C-alpha atoms as a PDB file:
ATOM      1  CA  MET A   1      21.561  17.181 -18.706  1.00  0.00           C
ATOM      2  CA  SER A   2      18.718  17.149 -21.602  1.00  0.00           C
ATOM      3  CA  SER A   3      15.520  17.694 -20.682  1.00  0.00           C
ATOM      4  CA  THR A   4      14.536  14.400 -21.859  1.00  0.00           C
ATOM      5  CA  ALA A   5      17.452  12.577 -19.989  1.00  0.00           C
ATOM      6  CA  LEU A   6      16.057  14.756 -16.755  1.00  0.00           C
ATOM      7  CA  VAL A   7      12.576  13.548 -17.519  1.00  0.00           C
ATOM      8  CA  VAL A   8      14.254  10.047 -16.563  1.00  0.00           C
ATOM      9  CA  VAL A   9      15.590  10.510 -13.765  1.00  0.00           C
ATOM     10  CA  ILE A  10      12.259  11.911 -12.379  1.00  0.00           C
ATOM     11  CA  VAL A  11      10.415   8.889 -13.499  1.00  0.00           C
ATOM     12  CA  VAL A  12      13.201   7.033 -11.747  1.00  0.00           C
ATOM     13  CA  VAL A  13      13.078   8.709  -8.507  1.00  0.00           C
ATOM     14  CA  ALA A  14       9.553   8.978  -8.591  1.00  0.00           C
ATOM     15  CA  LEU A  15       8.975   5.224  -8.425  1.00  0.00           C
ATOM     16  CA  GLY A  16      11.700   5.084  -5.631  1.00  0.00           C
ATOM     17  CA  PHE A  17       9.746   7.007  -3.847  1.00  0.00           C
ATOM     18  CA  ASP A  18       6.578   5.496  -4.536  1.00  0.00           C
ATOM     19  CA  TYR A  19       8.915   2.122  -3.323  1.00  0.00           C
ATOM     20  CA  THR A  20       9.405   3.952   0.336  1.00  0.00           C
ATOM     21  CA  ASN A  21       5.984   4.953   0.287  1.00  0.00           C
ATOM     22  CA  GLY A  22       5.157   1.363   0.056  1.00  0.00           C
ATOM     23  CA  PHE A  23       7.361  -0.138   3.198  1.00  0.00           C
ATOM     24  CA  HIS A  24       7.005   3.465   4.830  1.00  0.00           C
ATOM     25  CA  ASP A  25       2.763   2.699   4.686  1.00  0.00           C
ATOM     26  CA  SER A  26       2.631  -1.306   4.576  1.00  0.00           C
ATOM     27  CA  ALA A  27       1.844  -1.106   8.211  1.00  0.00           C
ATOM     28  CA  ASN A  28      -1.181   1.071   7.688  1.00  0.00           C
ATOM     29  CA  ALA A  29      -2.789  -1.696   5.644  1.00  0.00           C
ATOM     30  CA  ILE A  30      -2.007  -4.542   8.036  1.00  0.00           C
ATOM     31  CA  ALA A  31      -0.229  -3.498  11.181  1.00  0.00           C
ATOM     32  CA  THR A  32      -4.074  -4.716  13.275  1.00  0.00           C
ATOM     33  CA  SER A  33      -4.359  -8.250  11.379  1.00  0.00           C
ATOM     34  CA  ILE A  34      -0.666  -8.915  12.603  1.00  0.00           C
ATOM     35  CA  SER A  35      -0.871  -8.035  15.771  1.00  0.00           C
ATOM     36  CA  THR A  36      -4.100  -9.821  16.391  1.00  0.00           C
ATOM     37  CA  LYS A  37      -2.782 -12.635  14.750  1.00  0.00           C
ATOM     38  CA  ALA A  38      -5.492 -12.817  12.144  1.00  0.00           C
ATOM     39  CA  LEU A  39      -2.798 -13.362   9.719  1.00  0.00           C
ATOM     40  CA  THR A  40       1.100 -13.966   9.592  1.00  0.00           C
ATOM     41  CA  PRO A  41       3.093 -10.957   8.591  1.00  0.00           C
ATOM     42  CA  ARG A  42       4.577 -12.346   5.104  1.00  0.00           C
ATOM     43  CA  VAL A  43       1.088 -13.516   3.786  1.00  0.00           C
ATOM     44  CA  ALA A  44      -0.495  -9.929   4.771  1.00  0.00           C
ATOM     45  CA  LEU A  45       2.009  -8.302   3.271  1.00  0.00           C
ATOM     46  CA  ALA A  46       1.431 -10.321   0.178  1.00  0.00           C
ATOM     47  CA  MET A  47      -1.940  -9.878   0.060  1.00  0.00           C
ATOM     48  CA  ALA A  48      -1.349  -5.899   1.038  1.00  0.00           C
ATOM     49  CA  ALA A  49       0.614  -5.986  -2.015  1.00  0.00           C
ATOM     50  CA  VAL A  50      -1.857  -7.340  -4.360  1.00  0.00           C
ATOM     51  CA  ALA A  51      -4.397  -5.162  -3.241  1.00  0.00           C
ATOM     52  CA  ASN A  52      -2.402  -2.154  -3.641  1.00  0.00           C
ATOM     53  CA  VAL A  53      -1.674  -3.152  -7.771  1.00  0.00           C
ATOM     54  CA  VAL A  54      -5.893  -3.382  -7.760  1.00  0.00           C
ATOM     55  CA  GLY A  55      -6.572  -0.070  -5.753  1.00  0.00           C
ATOM     56  CA  ALA A  56      -4.195   1.608  -8.022  1.00  0.00           C
ATOM     57  CA  LEU A  57      -5.490   0.623 -11.274  1.00  0.00           C
ATOM     58  CA  ILE A  58      -9.120   1.609 -10.935  1.00  0.00           C
ATOM     59  CA  SER A  59      -8.940   5.469 -10.035  1.00  0.00           C
ATOM     60  CA  VAL A  60      -6.691   8.594 -11.132  1.00  0.00           C
ATOM     61  CA  GLU A  61      -8.729  11.564  -9.361  1.00  0.00           C
ATOM     62  CA  VAL A  62      -6.046  11.132  -6.711  1.00  0.00           C
ATOM     63  CA  ALA A  63      -3.534  11.835  -9.565  1.00  0.00           C
ATOM     64  CA  LYS A  64      -4.960  14.458 -11.272  1.00  0.00           C
ATOM     65  CA  THR A  65      -5.070  16.507  -7.850  1.00  0.00           C
ATOM     66  CA  ILE A  66      -1.329  16.059  -7.337  1.00  0.00           C
ATOM     67  CA  GLY A  67      -0.459  16.617 -10.877  1.00  0.00           C
ATOM     68  CA  GLY A  68      -1.572  19.998 -11.580  1.00  0.00           C
ATOM     69  CA  GLY A  69      -4.432  21.360  -9.074  1.00  0.00           C
ATOM     70  CA  ILE A  70      -1.768  22.436  -6.155  1.00  0.00           C
ATOM     71  CA  VAL A  71       1.825  23.490  -8.066  1.00  0.00           C
ATOM     72  CA  VAL A  72       2.276  24.762 -11.352  1.00  0.00           C
ATOM     73  CA  PRO A  73       5.886  24.544 -12.636  1.00  0.00           C
ATOM     74  CA  ALA A  74       6.658  26.347 -15.761  1.00  0.00           C
ATOM     75  CA  VAL A  75       7.399  24.012 -19.312  1.00  0.00           C
ATOM     76  CA  GLY A  76      10.941  23.513 -19.076  1.00  0.00           C
ATOM     77  CA  ARG A  77      14.006  22.502 -17.078  1.00  0.00           C
ATOM     78  CA  SER A  78      13.155  24.325 -14.204  1.00  0.00           C
ATOM     79  CA  GLY A  79      10.049  22.817 -13.571  1.00  0.00           C
ATOM     80  CA  LEU A  80      11.409  19.399 -13.937  1.00  0.00           C
ATOM     81  CA  VAL A  81      14.179  20.361 -11.287  1.00  0.00           C
ATOM     82  CA  ILE A  82      11.090  21.669  -9.194  1.00  0.00           C
ATOM     83  CA  VAL A  83       9.727  18.130  -9.491  1.00  0.00           C
ATOM     84  CA  LEU A  84      13.080  16.462  -9.285  1.00  0.00           C
ATOM     85  CA  ALA A  85      13.773  18.861  -5.975  1.00  0.00           C
ATOM     86  CA  ALA A  86      10.149  17.846  -4.242  1.00  0.00           C
ATOM     87  CA  LEU A  87      11.003  13.597  -5.057  1.00  0.00           C
ATOM     88  CA  PHE A  88      13.629  14.285  -2.960  1.00  0.00           C
ATOM     89  CA  GLY A  89      12.893  16.279  -0.044  1.00  0.00           C
ATOM     90  CA  ALA A  90       9.715  13.841   0.221  1.00  0.00           C
ATOM     91  CA  ILE A  91      12.045  10.832   0.200  1.00  0.00           C
ATOM     92  CA  VAL A  92      14.374  12.129   3.057  1.00  0.00           C
ATOM     93  CA  TRP A  93      11.635  12.488   5.209  1.00  0.00           C
ATOM     94  CA  ASN A  94      10.032   9.382   4.367  1.00  0.00           C
ATOM     95  CA  LEU A  95      13.304   7.805   5.177  1.00  0.00           C
ATOM     96  CA  GLY A  96      13.454   9.917   8.618  1.00  0.00           C
ATOM     97  CA  THR A  97      10.395   9.049  10.294  1.00  0.00           C
ATOM     98  CA  TRP A  98      10.820   5.183   9.295  1.00  0.00           C
ATOM     99  CA  TYR A  99      13.964   5.138  10.936  1.00  0.00           C
ATOM    100  CA  PHE A 100      12.593   6.753  13.950  1.00  0.00           C
ATOM    101  CA  GLY A 101       9.614   4.630  13.513  1.00  0.00           C
ATOM    102  CA  LEU A 102       7.027   7.385  13.667  1.00  0.00           C
ATOM    103  CA  PRO A 103       3.972   6.725  11.020  1.00  0.00           C
ATOM    104  CA  SER A 104       3.886  10.117   9.303  1.00  0.00           C
ATOM    105  CA  SER A 105       2.312  10.724   6.100  1.00  0.00           C
ATOM    106  CA  SER A 106       4.214   9.928   2.896  1.00  0.00           C
ATOM    107  CA  SER A 107       1.069  12.155   0.872  1.00  0.00           C
ATOM    108  CA  HIS A 108       1.672  15.051   2.804  1.00  0.00           C
ATOM    109  CA  ALA A 109       5.552  14.694   2.619  1.00  0.00           C
ATOM    110  CA  LEU A 110       5.182  14.871  -1.042  1.00  0.00           C
ATOM    111  CA  ILE A 111       2.584  17.589  -1.286  1.00  0.00           C
ATOM    112  CA  GLY A 112       4.873  19.633   1.229  1.00  0.00           C
ATOM    113  CA  ALA A 113       7.838  19.109  -0.865  1.00  0.00           C
ATOM    114  CA  LEU A 114       6.092  20.172  -3.720  1.00  0.00           C
ATOM    115  CA  LEU A 115       4.991  22.930  -2.451  1.00  0.00           C
ATOM    116  CA  GLY A 116       8.608  24.083  -0.796  1.00  0.00           C
ATOM    117  CA  ALA A 117      10.201  22.994  -4.173  1.00  0.00           C
ATOM    118  CA  GLY A 118       7.868  25.397  -5.947  1.00  0.00           C
ATOM    119  CA  LEU A 119       8.221  28.113  -3.724  1.00  0.00           C
ATOM    120  CA  ALA A 120      11.930  28.108  -3.839  1.00  0.00           C
ATOM    121  CA  GLY A 121      11.564  28.320  -7.559  1.00  0.00           C
ATOM    122  CA  SER A 122       9.175  31.231  -7.664  1.00  0.00           C
ATOM    123  CA  GLU A 123       6.769  29.662  -9.147  1.00  0.00           C
ATOM    124  CA  SER A 124       2.514  29.243  -8.584  1.00  0.00           C
ATOM    125  CA  VAL A 125       0.852  27.611  -6.068  1.00  0.00           C
ATOM    126  CA  HIS A 126      -3.222  27.471  -5.994  1.00  0.00           C
ATOM    127  CA  TRP A 127      -3.349  27.892  -2.385  1.00  0.00           C
ATOM    128  CA  ASP A 128      -7.369  27.551  -2.371  1.00  0.00           C
ATOM    129  CA  VAL A 129      -6.669  24.215  -3.744  1.00  0.00           C
ATOM    130  CA  LEU A 130      -4.020  23.327  -1.178  1.00  0.00           C
ATOM    131  CA  VAL A 131      -6.764  24.620   1.471  1.00  0.00           C
ATOM    132  CA  ASP A 132      -9.713  22.719   0.368  1.00  0.00           C
ATOM    133  CA  LYS A 133      -8.354  19.410  -1.052  1.00  0.00           C
ATOM    134  CA  VAL A 134      -5.216  19.067   1.194  1.00  0.00           C
ATOM    135  CA  VAL A 135      -5.507  20.825   4.523  1.00  0.00           C
ATOM    136  CA  ILE A 136      -9.135  20.653   5.307  1.00  0.00           C
ATOM    137  CA  PRO A 137      -9.308  17.165   4.286  1.00  0.00           C
ATOM    138  CA  MET A 138      -6.044  16.820   6.769  1.00  0.00           C
ATOM    139  CA  VAL A 139      -7.342  17.910   9.668  1.00  0.00           C
ATOM    140  CA  ALA A 140     -10.701  16.349   8.646  1.00  0.00           C
ATOM    141  CA  SER A 141     -10.255  13.130   7.586  1.00  0.00           C
ATOM    142  CA  PRO A 142      -8.288  11.953  11.276  1.00  0.00           C
ATOM    143  CA  LEU A 143     -10.894  13.648  13.399  1.00  0.00           C
ATOM    144  CA  ILE A 144     -13.538  11.983  11.513  1.00  0.00           C
ATOM    145  CA  GLY A 145     -11.366   8.274  11.656  1.00  0.00           C
ATOM    146  CA  PHE A 146     -11.437   8.642  15.334  1.00  0.00           C
ATOM    147  CA  ALA A 147     -15.130   9.523  15.464  1.00  0.00           C
ATOM    148  CA  VAL A 148     -16.452   7.156  13.304  1.00  0.00           C
ATOM    149  CA  SER A 149     -14.210   3.901  15.302  1.00  0.00           C
ATOM    150  CA  TYR A 150     -15.232   5.026  18.218  1.00  0.00           C
ATOM    151  CA  LEU A 151     -18.834   5.079  17.432  1.00  0.00           C
ATOM    152  CA  PHE A 152     -18.452   1.808  15.861  1.00  0.00           C
ATOM    153  CA  MET A 153     -16.834  -0.448  18.405  1.00  0.00           C
ATOM    154  CA  VAL A 154     -18.988   0.845  20.943  1.00  0.00           C
ATOM    155  CA  LEU A 155     -22.040  -0.255  18.442  1.00  0.00           C
ATOM    156  CA  LEU A 156     -19.681  -3.846  17.693  1.00  0.00           C
ATOM    157  CA  LEU A 157     -19.448  -4.125  21.586  1.00  0.00           C
ATOM    158  CA  TRP A 158     -23.424  -3.958  22.446  1.00  0.00           C
ATOM    159  CA  VAL A 159     -24.371  -6.323  19.078  1.00  0.00           C
ATOM    160  CA  PHE A 160     -22.345  -9.379  20.541  1.00  0.00           C
ATOM    161  CA  ARG A 161     -21.915  -8.138  23.922  1.00  0.00           C
ATOM    162  CA  LYS A 162     -23.922 -11.932  25.025  1.00  0.00           C
ATOM    163  CA  ALA A 163     -21.763 -13.700  22.225  1.00  0.00           C
ATOM    164  CA  ASN A 164     -18.820 -16.708  23.097  1.00  0.00           C
ATOM    165  CA  ALA A 165     -15.750 -14.553  23.652  1.00  0.00           C
ATOM    166  CA  VAL A 166     -13.684 -17.907  21.838  1.00  0.00           C
ATOM    167  CA  ARG A 167     -16.070 -17.604  19.065  1.00  0.00           C
ATOM    168  CA  ALA A 168     -16.488 -14.606  18.632  1.00  0.00           C
ATOM    169  CA  ASN A 169     -12.524 -13.262  18.436  1.00  0.00           C
ATOM    170  CA  ARG A 170     -11.894 -16.213  15.594  1.00  0.00           C
ATOM    171  CA  ASN A 171     -14.478 -15.168  13.554  1.00  0.00           C
ATOM    172  CA  PHE A 172     -13.262 -11.564  13.899  1.00  0.00           C
ATOM    173  CA  ARG A 173      -9.820 -12.610  12.979  1.00  0.00           C
ATOM    174  CA  TRP A 174     -11.539 -14.200   9.677  1.00  0.00           C
ATOM    175  CA  ALA A 175     -13.361 -10.671   8.826  1.00  0.00           C
ATOM    176  CA  GLN A 176     -10.337  -9.016   9.819  1.00  0.00           C
ATOM    177  CA  ILE A 177      -8.632 -10.383   6.049  1.00  0.00           C
ATOM    178  CA  ALA A 178     -11.085  -9.060   4.570  1.00  0.00           C
ATOM    179  CA  SER A 179     -10.848  -5.332   6.492  1.00  0.00           C
ATOM    180  CA  ALA A 180      -7.102  -5.830   5.758  1.00  0.00           C
ATOM    181  CA  ALA A 181      -7.649  -6.385   1.583  1.00  0.00           C
ATOM    182  CA  THR A 182     -10.380  -3.608   1.438  1.00  0.00           C
ATOM    183  CA  MET A 183      -7.407  -0.756   3.656  1.00  0.00           C
ATOM    184  CA  SER A 184      -4.904  -1.980   1.197  1.00  0.00           C
ATOM    185  CA  PHE A 185      -6.952  -1.701  -1.643  1.00  0.00           C
ATOM    186  CA  GLY A 186      -8.298   1.735  -0.280  1.00  0.00           C
ATOM    187  CA  HIS A 187      -3.733   2.659   0.161  1.00  0.00           C
ATOM    188  CA  GLY A 188      -3.707   1.333  -3.393  1.00  0.00           C
ATOM    189  CA  THR A 189      -6.796   4.178  -4.677  1.00  0.00           C
ATOM    190  CA  GLN A 190      -4.680   6.899  -2.864  1.00  0.00           C
ATOM    191  CA  ASP A 191      -1.273   7.037  -2.405  1.00  0.00           C
ATOM    192  CA  ALA A 192       0.370   4.939  -5.453  1.00  0.00           C
ATOM    193  CA  GLN A 193      -1.930   7.937  -7.199  1.00  0.00           C
ATOM    194  CA  LYS A 194       0.569  10.322  -5.746  1.00  0.00           C
ATOM    195  CA  THR A 195       3.300   9.207  -8.057  1.00  0.00           C
ATOM    196  CA  MET A 196       1.292   8.998 -10.888  1.00  0.00           C
ATOM    197  CA  GLY A 197       0.456  12.479 -10.543  1.00  0.00           C
ATOM    198  CA  VAL A 198       3.777  13.429 -10.201  1.00  0.00           C
ATOM    199  CA  ILE A 199       5.172  11.872 -13.069  1.00  0.00           C
ATOM    200  CA  PHE A 200       2.108  13.165 -15.086  1.00  0.00           C
ATOM    201  CA  LEU A 201       2.837  16.525 -13.703  1.00  0.00           C
ATOM    202  CA  ALA A 202       7.132  15.751 -15.329  1.00  0.00           C
ATOM    203  CA  LEU A 203       5.861  14.746 -18.943  1.00  0.00           C
ATOM    204  CA  THR A 204       3.230  17.585 -19.340  1.00  0.00           C
ATOM    205  CA  ILE A 205       6.415  19.985 -18.053  1.00  0.00           C
ATOM    206  CA  ASN A 206       8.353  18.279 -20.741  1.00  0.00           C
ATOM    207  CA  GLY A 207       5.815  18.336 -23.495  1.00  0.00           C
ATOM    208  CA  ASP A 208       5.511  15.272 -23.677  1.00  0.00           C
ATOM    209  CA  LEU A 209       1.663  15.318 -22.577  1.00  0.00           C
ATOM    210  CA  ALA A 210      -1.082  18.212 -22.170  1.00  0.00           C
ATOM    211  CA  LYS A 211      -2.790  18.696 -19.095  1.00  0.00           C
ATOM    212  CA  GLY A 212      -5.890  17.336 -20.148  1.00  0.00           C
ATOM    213  CA  ASP A 213      -4.547  14.182 -21.595  1.00  0.00           C
ATOM    214  CA  ASP A 214      -5.201  10.696 -19.841  1.00  0.00           C
ATOM    215  CA  ILE A 215      -2.132   9.520 -17.123  1.00  0.00           C
ATOM    216  CA  PRO A 216      -0.879   6.744 -19.869  1.00  0.00           C
ATOM    217  CA  PHE A 217      -0.772   3.143 -18.767  1.00  0.00           C
ATOM    218  CA  TRP A 218       2.753   2.643 -18.104  1.00  0.00           C
ATOM    219  CA  VAL A 219       2.696   5.439 -15.767  1.00  0.00           C
ATOM    220  CA  ILE A 220      -0.122   3.931 -14.018  1.00  0.00           C
ATOM    221  CA  ILE A 221       0.788   0.093 -13.633  1.00  0.00           C
ATOM    222  CA  SER A 222       4.311   1.247 -13.236  1.00  0.00           C
ATOM    223  CA  SER A 223       3.040   3.478 -10.258  1.00  0.00           C
ATOM    224  CA  ALA A 224       1.105   0.551  -8.685  1.00  0.00           C
ATOM    225  CA  LEU A 225       3.861  -2.069  -9.269  1.00  0.00           C
ATOM    226  CA  ALA A 226       6.297  -0.338  -7.572  1.00  0.00           C
ATOM    227  CA  ILE A 227       4.300   0.700  -4.146  1.00  0.00           C
ATOM    228  CA  SER A 228       2.926  -3.220  -4.095  1.00  0.00           C
ATOM    229  CA  LEU A 229       7.148  -3.626  -3.959  1.00  0.00           C
ATOM    230  CA  GLY A 230       7.922  -1.486  -1.344  1.00  0.00           C
ATOM    231  CA  THR A 231       4.829  -2.632   0.420  1.00  0.00           C
ATOM    232  CA  TYR A 232       6.293  -6.403   0.171  1.00  0.00           C
ATOM    233  CA  SER A 233       9.899  -5.736   1.291  1.00  0.00           C
ATOM    234  CA  GLY A 234       7.731  -4.312   5.042  1.00  0.00           C
ATOM    235  CA  GLY A 235       7.768  -1.778   7.284  1.00  0.00           C
ATOM    236  CA  TRP A 236       8.276  -3.175  10.935  1.00  0.00           C
ATOM    237  CA  ARG A 237       9.284  -0.640  12.786  1.00  0.00           C
ATOM    238  CA  ILE A 238       6.334   1.400  11.942  1.00  0.00           C
ATOM    239  CA  MET A 239       4.070  -1.711  12.355  1.00  0.00           C
ATOM    240  CA  ARG A 240       5.353  -2.318  15.583  1.00  0.00           C
ATOM    241  CA  THR A 241       3.994   1.418  16.483  1.00  0.00           C
ATOM    242  CA  LEU A 242       0.778   1.081  14.807  1.00  0.00           C
ATOM    243  CA  GLY A 243      -0.071  -2.674  16.209  1.00  0.00           C
ATOM    244  CA  ARG A 244       1.351  -2.791  19.498  1.00  0.00           C
ATOM    245  CA  ARG A 245       2.542   0.779  21.140  1.00  0.00           C
ATOM    246  CA  ILE A 246      -0.541   2.891  20.695  1.00  0.00           C
ATOM    247  CA  ILE A 247      -3.170   0.068  21.997  1.00  0.00           C
ATOM    248  CA  SER A 248      -3.268  -3.004  22.522  1.00  0.00           C
ATOM    249  CA  LEU A 249      -5.420  -4.372  19.946  1.00  0.00           C
ATOM    250  CA  THR A 250      -7.901  -7.233  19.677  1.00  0.00           C
ATOM    251  CA  PRO A 251      -9.348  -8.787  16.568  1.00  0.00           C
ATOM    252  CA  VAL A 252     -12.970  -6.678  17.232  1.00  0.00           C
ATOM    253  CA  SER A 253     -10.941  -3.857  17.561  1.00  0.00           C
ATOM    254  CA  GLY A 254      -8.933  -4.273  14.470  1.00  0.00           C
ATOM    255  CA  PHE A 255     -11.797  -5.360  12.530  1.00  0.00           C
ATOM    256  CA  ALA A 256     -13.562  -2.064  13.919  1.00  0.00           C
ATOM    257  CA  ALA A 257     -10.173   0.520  13.011  1.00  0.00           C
ATOM    258  CA  GLN A 258      -9.554  -0.958   9.722  1.00  0.00           C
ATOM    259  CA  THR A 259     -12.872  -1.383   8.456  1.00  0.00           C
ATOM    260  CA  VAL A 260     -13.531   2.731   9.706  1.00  0.00           C
ATOM    261  CA  ALA A 261     -10.207   3.937   8.227  1.00  0.00           C
ATOM    262  CA  SER A 262     -10.596   1.981   4.229  1.00  0.00           C
ATOM    263  CA  GLY A 263     -14.125   3.520   4.306  1.00  0.00           C
ATOM    264  CA  VAL A 264     -12.427   7.169   4.861  1.00  0.00           C
ATOM    265  CA  MET A 265      -9.999   6.346   2.065  1.00  0.00           C
ATOM    266  CA  LEU A 266     -11.854   5.148  -0.606  1.00  0.00           C
ATOM    267  CA  ALA A 267     -14.269   7.876  -0.131  1.00  0.00           C
ATOM    268  CA  THR A 268     -11.800  10.664  -0.237  1.00  0.00           C
ATOM    269  CA  ALA A 269     -10.300   9.055  -3.166  1.00  0.00           C
ATOM    270  CA  HIS A 270     -13.611   9.307  -4.767  1.00  0.00           C
ATOM    271  CA  TYR A 271     -13.657  13.020  -4.957  1.00  0.00           C
ATOM    272  CA  GLY A 272      -9.726  13.058  -5.473  1.00  0.00           C
ATOM    273  CA  LEU A 273      -8.366  14.028  -2.018  1.00  0.00           C
ATOM    274  CA  PRO A 274      -5.177  13.568  -1.034  1.00  0.00           C
ATOM    275  CA  VAL A 275      -5.478  12.287   2.398  1.00  0.00           C
ATOM    276  CA  SER A 276      -3.265  10.240   4.767  1.00  0.00           C
ATOM    277  CA  THR A 277      -3.815   6.982   5.150  1.00  0.00           C
ATOM    278  CA  THR A 278      -1.209   7.192   8.394  1.00  0.00           C
ATOM    279  CA  HIS A 279      -3.331   9.953   9.756  1.00  0.00           C
ATOM    280  CA  VAL A 280      -6.713   7.853   9.307  1.00  0.00           C
ATOM    281  CA  ILE A 281      -5.765   4.712  10.601  1.00  0.00           C
ATOM    282  CA  SER A 282      -3.416   5.895  13.511  1.00  0.00           C
ATOM    283  CA  SER A 283      -6.705   8.079  14.657  1.00  0.00           C
ATOM    284  CA  SER A 284      -9.279   4.854  13.999  1.00  0.00           C
ATOM    285  CA  ILE A 285      -7.255   2.686  16.297  1.00  0.00           C
ATOM    286  CA  MET A 286      -6.993   5.164  18.561  1.00  0.00           C
ATOM    287  CA  GLY A 287     -10.886   5.641  18.406  1.00  0.00           C
ATOM    288  CA  VAL A 288     -11.345   1.885  19.578  1.00  0.00           C
ATOM    289  CA  GLY A 289      -9.088   2.383  22.317  1.00  0.00           C
ATOM    290  CA  SER A 290     -10.790   4.810  23.734  1.00  0.00           C
ATOM    291  CA  THR A 291     -13.839   2.820  24.088  1.00  0.00           C
ATOM    292  CA  ARG A 292     -12.145   0.793  27.096  1.00  0.00           C
ATOM    293  CA  ARG A 293     -11.364   3.969  28.858  1.00  0.00           C
ATOM    294  CA  PHE A 294      -9.271   6.835  27.913  1.00  0.00           C
ATOM    295  CA  SER A 295      -5.938   6.146  29.426  1.00  0.00           C
ATOM    296  CA  ALA A 296      -5.727   2.335  27.645  1.00  0.00           C
ATOM    297  CA  VAL A 297      -4.511   4.606  25.059  1.00  0.00           C
ATOM    298  CA  ARG A 298      -0.973   5.380  24.780  1.00  0.00           C
ATOM    299  CA  TRP A 299      -1.348   9.105  24.569  1.00  0.00           C
ATOM    300  CA  GLY A 300       2.839   9.793  25.008  1.00  0.00           C
ATOM    301  CA  VAL A 301       3.105   7.429  21.529  1.00  0.00           C
ATOM    302  CA  ALA A 302      -0.340   8.917  20.153  1.00  0.00           C
ATOM    303  CA  GLY A 303       1.437  12.736  20.963  1.00  0.00           C
ATOM    304  CA  ASN A 304       4.610  11.914  19.363  1.00  0.00           C
ATOM    305  CA  ILE A 305       2.960  10.401  16.461  1.00  0.00           C
ATOM    306  CA  VAL A 306       1.363  13.877  15.826  1.00  0.00           C
ATOM    307  CA  VAL A 307       3.894  15.892  16.297  1.00  0.00           C
ATOM    308  CA  ALA A 308       5.005  14.463  12.983  1.00  0.00           C
ATOM    309  CA  TRP A 309       1.851  14.800  11.485  1.00  0.00           C
ATOM    310  CA  VAL A 310       2.260  18.630  11.814  1.00  0.00           C
ATOM    311  CA  LEU A 311       5.789  18.719  11.220  1.00  0.00           C
ATOM    312  CA  THR A 312       5.834  16.434   7.710  1.00  0.00           C
ATOM    313  CA  ILE A 313       4.413  19.448   5.579  1.00  0.00           C
ATOM    314  CA  PRO A 314       6.923  22.220   6.724  1.00  0.00           C
ATOM    315  CA  ALA A 315       9.762  19.909   7.000  1.00  0.00           C
ATOM    316  CA  ALA A 316       9.910  18.363   3.794  1.00  0.00           C
ATOM    317  CA  ALA A 317       9.080  21.844   1.952  1.00  0.00           C
ATOM    318  CA  ALA A 318      12.380  22.799   3.834  1.00  0.00           C
ATOM    319  CA  VAL A 319      14.281  19.977   2.128  1.00  0.00           C
ATOM    320  CA  ALA A 320      13.041  19.965  -0.700  1.00  0.00           C
ATOM    321  CA  ALA A 321      13.933  23.951  -1.095  1.00  0.00           C
ATOM    322  CA  VAL A 322      17.566  23.380  -0.114  1.00  0.00           C
ATOM    323  CA  VAL A 323      18.054  20.231  -2.776  1.00  0.00           C
ATOM    324  CA  PHE A 324      16.041  22.718  -5.366  1.00  0.00           C
ATOM    325  CA  TYR A 325      18.809  25.499  -4.426  1.00  0.00           C
ATOM    326  CA  VAL A 326      21.316  22.908  -4.657  1.00  0.00           C
ATOM    327  CA  LEU A 327      20.578  21.579  -8.046  1.00  0.00           C
ATOM    328  CA  HIS A 328      19.250  24.273 -10.064  1.00  0.00           C
ATOM    329  CA  PRO A 329      22.666  25.885 -10.680  1.00  0.00           C
ATOM    330  CA  LEU A 330      23.806  22.309 -11.450  1.00  0.00           C
ATOM    331  CA  LEU A 331      21.210  21.453 -14.161  1.00  0.00           C
ATOM    332  CA  LYS A 332      20.731  24.732 -15.809  1.00  0.00           C
END
């Protein structure tokens, strides 16, 4: 297989990963809105798909981090095989966690897979970038989401303590539509960027682009459309976990969780930090739930989610390393 043909395969597989990312993570933006009946499932998915496209067109900072900040494969076929193996590793983990309904991180699956394939191919890893831009934000972002959503929920409960409950719930359902759209927009500024970064990395390895070049528009728009199509196809298994199994949400708690999560997503995207939408919204839901009483959160379900978070990077890395060892002799 020629290098050009290998790049074409990588682009197709990368867009396939982007699609799985969309249906895997569609729950992040809209599960709370659907569970509180603020939106019907198909309307919510359509809105999320459109907002994803807009978000993906706004910023490329996260794409730059993925496309050259973490793993630097050598120019040539060996480097392209590393990228292809990483994509397969991330897709396998995405499909596995989707099957079991676990809201793990597609972002960290891809990062872990790049790391595993890079180490298998004896390529250099920027460990300082990995720690500063991945590990620290990975730990900090859900903690921030939990704490801020808890405080925001307490504030809302105090401000609207004398409001008519029926009228307040109706108004917060309307507010949830806006917060769900913002969350989807934030998802586009984060997750679609990862696929852009991988395609850009493949193009630079093949010599089609230089490292300092702008990301081509066709890469941006194809990544945006792929994740939006995946979003519209839905991720019902994970949607049930986020919308119902962690805690029974109300319109005000759903609005609070979405608002805080979208704020965290947009802030981190601005600084090129590839954090997980799954981590942030899940921890935000736990935060708002804890304002009722600590036992209101189903911590057993939450514990399973945390286990998936911890396993994502090493598991995806291991799968990608195995795929590299299988593909490398075949594609020499």
